[in-house]
Amino acid sequence: MIKATVNGNKEFTVEGKNLNGQPVEWDLIEVRENSFHIIRNNKGYNATIVNFNREEKTLVVNVNGNDYEISVKDKYDLLLQQLGINSKTSSATQNLKAPMPGLIIQVAVQEGDEVKKGDALLILEAMKMENVLKSPRDGKVKKVNVALKQAVEKNQVLLEFE
């Protein structure tokens, strides 16, 4: 299941060939790279992917001359949201905390390193998945509080920023 939010306000659930629980039939042809022609309910649409950010799971699609900003959440994003883990809430903090219990399997930074928002800092193995923990903001790593192969608990401070 995927949840897509269009222009920050309209939310859709996509599961297989169903949209919001209703079956959807359409014809789709790729005209050229990132450009498609769609026929649905006897109406034609020209769609072009203008911008795609895989890391942030966002894209801008132009449909018949109108741009639509789309953000997508897959089943893992929805699970983290359900557990109350929201990456946006940590952006103003001075610390990076463990979003869930797990095992540190990679430390990509050292004390004193300059990091940019989105840089990979640590890899936390949890629930048989590898979770890349990224920097919530630009800054400098003040202190690394964990080591390789260390078990951590939810909300444990992993890194401190200056």
Protein backbone atom coordinates (compact mmCIF):
# COMPACT_ATOMS: atom_id res chain seq x y z
CA MET A 1 0.00 0.00 0.00
CA ILE A 2 1.15 3.51 -0.82
CA LYS A 3 -0.23 6.84 0.39
CA ALA A 4 0.26 9.75 -1.97
CA THR A 5 -0.32 13.37 -1.02
CA VAL A 6 -0.87 15.82 -3.88
CA ASN A 7 -0.03 19.51 -3.40
CA GLY A 8 0.10 18.98 0.36
CA ASN A 9 -3.64 18.52 0.83
CA LYS A 10 -5.26 15.73 -1.21
CA GLU A 11 -4.42 12.25 0.02
CA PHE A 12 -4.84 9.04 -1.98
CA THR A 13 -4.34 5.39 -1.08
CA VAL A 14 -2.97 3.19 -3.85
CA GLU A 15 -3.07 -0.57 -3.48
CA GLY A 16 -2.49 -2.68 -6.58
CA LYS A 17 -4.95 -1.41 -9.23
CA ASN A 18 -7.17 0.27 -6.63
CA LEU A 19 -7.30 3.98 -5.83
CA ASN A 20 -8.95 4.80 -2.49
CA GLY A 21 -10.41 1.29 -2.48
CA GLN A 22 -11.98 1.59 -5.94
CA PRO A 23 -10.67 -0.25 -9.03
CA VAL A 24 -9.10 2.04 -11.61
CA GLU A 25 -8.79 1.21 -15.30
CA TRP A 26 -6.62 3.24 -17.62
CA ASP A 27 -4.33 2.96 -20.59
CA LEU A 28 -0.83 4.32 -20.19
CA ILE A 29 1.81 4.67 -22.89
CA GLU A 30 5.31 6.04 -22.40
CA VAL A 31 5.75 8.55 -25.22
CA ARG A 32 9.39 9.29 -24.37
CA GLU A 33 11.52 9.15 -21.26
CA ASN A 34 9.53 10.56 -18.29
CA SER A 35 6.62 11.51 -20.56
CA PHE A 36 3.35 9.57 -20.76
CA HIS A 37 -0.04 9.63 -22.45
CA ILE A 38 -2.90 8.36 -20.28
CA ILE A 39 -6.47 7.56 -21.24
CA ARG A 40 -9.01 7.18 -18.42
CA ASN A 41 -12.80 7.40 -18.73
CA ASN A 42 -12.45 8.39 -22.41
CA LYS A 43 -10.30 11.42 -21.52
CA GLY A 44 -6.69 11.90 -22.57
CA TYR A 45 -3.95 13.25 -20.32
CA ASN A 46 -0.35 14.16 -21.11
CA ALA A 47 1.89 13.67 -18.08
CA THR A 48 5.57 14.49 -17.66
CA ILE A 49 7.73 13.83 -14.63
CA VAL A 50 9.42 17.20 -14.09
CA ASN A 51 11.39 16.40 -10.94
CA PHE A 52 11.95 13.22 -8.92
CA ASN A 53 13.70 12.98 -5.53
CA ARG A 54 14.09 9.34 -4.58
CA GLU A 55 15.48 10.06 -1.09
CA GLU A 56 12.63 12.32 -0.04
CA LYS A 57 10.08 10.30 -2.04
CA THR A 58 8.73 13.37 -3.80
CA LEU A 59 8.07 14.23 -7.41
CA VAL A 60 6.60 16.98 -9.53
CA VAL A 61 4.36 15.84 -12.38
CA ASN A 62 3.01 18.13 -15.07
CA VAL A 63 -0.41 16.95 -16.29
CA ASN A 64 -1.93 18.87 -19.22
CA GLY A 65 0.03 22.02 -18.29
CA ASN A 66 -0.58 21.88 -14.51
CA ASP A 67 2.18 20.98 -12.04
CA TYR A 68 1.36 18.66 -9.15
CA GLU A 69 3.73 18.10 -6.22
CA ILE A 70 3.38 14.54 -4.96
CA SER A 71 4.88 13.01 -1.84
CA VAL A 72 4.69 9.27 -1.36
CA LYS A 73 4.78 7.08 1.76
CA ASP A 74 5.27 3.34 1.40
CA LYS A 75 4.32 0.70 3.97
CA TYR A 76 7.54 1.26 5.94
CA ASP A 77 7.01 5.04 6.15
CA LEU A 78 3.44 4.41 7.28
CA LEU A 79 4.64 1.96 9.94
CA LEU A 80 7.13 4.51 11.31
CA GLN A 81 4.39 7.14 11.33
CA GLN A 82 2.08 4.74 13.18
CA LEU A 83 4.83 4.16 15.76
CA GLY A 84 5.01 7.92 16.29
CA ILE A 85 8.36 8.36 14.60
CA ASN A 86 8.42 11.53 12.53
CA SER A 87 11.72 12.66 11.01
CA LYS A 88 10.49 16.25 10.67
CA THR A 89 10.17 16.67 14.44
CA SER A 90 13.88 16.07 14.95
CA SER A 91 15.08 18.81 12.56
CA ALA A 92 15.32 21.50 15.25
CA THR A 93 17.00 19.31 17.84
CA GLN A 94 20.61 19.21 18.91
CA ASN A 95 20.59 15.40 19.19
CA LEU A 96 19.94 12.48 16.88
CA LYS A 97 17.94 9.85 18.77
CA ALA A 98 17.27 6.22 17.89
CA PRO A 99 13.81 6.00 16.29
CA MET A 100 13.47 2.39 17.49
CA PRO A 101 15.50 -0.25 19.32
CA GLY A 102 18.16 -1.92 17.21
CA LEU A 103 21.82 -2.57 16.51
CA ILE A 104 24.31 -0.04 15.12
CA ILE A 105 25.90 -1.69 12.07
CA GLN A 106 27.68 1.34 10.61
CA VAL A 107 28.92 4.70 11.90
CA ALA A 108 29.63 7.02 8.98
CA VAL A 109 30.77 10.13 10.90
CA GLN A 110 33.24 11.12 13.58
CA GLU A 111 33.28 13.88 16.14
CA GLY A 112 34.05 17.19 14.46
CA ASP A 113 32.70 16.21 11.03
CA GLU A 114 30.65 18.79 9.14
CA VAL A 115 27.40 17.33 7.83
CA LYS A 116 24.62 18.54 5.55
CA LYS A 117 20.94 17.84 5.92
CA GLY A 118 20.24 14.39 4.47
CA ASP A 119 23.80 13.03 4.88
CA ALA A 120 23.93 9.42 6.09
CA LEU A 121 25.19 9.32 9.69
CA LEU A 122 24.50 5.81 10.98
CA ILE A 123 22.89 2.56 9.92
CA LEU A 124 20.58 1.01 12.50
CA GLU A 125 19.44 -2.57 12.02
CA ALA A 126 15.94 -3.00 13.43
CA MET A 127 13.09 -5.40 12.67
CA LYS A 128 15.38 -7.21 10.17
CA MET A 129 15.74 -3.99 8.14
CA GLU A 130 18.68 -1.64 7.70
CA ASN A 131 17.62 1.92 8.47
CA VAL A 132 19.90 4.73 7.30
CA LEU A 133 19.69 7.53 9.84
CA LYS A 134 20.30 10.84 8.10
CA SER A 135 21.23 14.24 9.37
CA PRO A 136 18.12 16.28 10.17
CA ARG A 137 20.02 19.52 9.50
CA ASP A 138 23.29 21.11 8.50
CA GLY A 139 25.80 21.21 11.34
CA LYS A 140 28.85 19.79 13.04
CA VAL A 141 28.96 16.49 14.93
CA LYS A 142 29.79 17.35 18.54
CA LYS A 143 29.79 13.84 19.98
CA VAL A 144 29.20 10.27 18.78
CA ASN A 145 27.58 8.35 21.65
CA VAL A 146 27.50 4.89 20.02
CA ALA A 147 29.92 2.35 18.61
CA LEU A 148 29.77 -0.33 15.94
CA LYS A 149 27.72 -3.43 16.95
CA GLN A 150 26.21 -1.57 19.92
CA ALA A 151 22.58 -2.30 20.84
CA VAL A 152 20.47 0.84 21.34
CA GLU A 153 17.03 1.58 22.75
CA LYS A 154 14.32 3.81 21.33
CA ASN A 155 15.03 7.53 22.01
CA GLN A 156 18.63 6.84 23.04
CA VAL A 157 20.85 9.77 21.99
CA LEU A 158 23.12 8.50 19.22
CA LEU A 159 24.78 11.75 18.10
CA GLU A 160 24.98 15.29 19.40
CA PHE A 161 25.26 18.34 17.16
CA GLU A 162 26.86 21.70 17.91
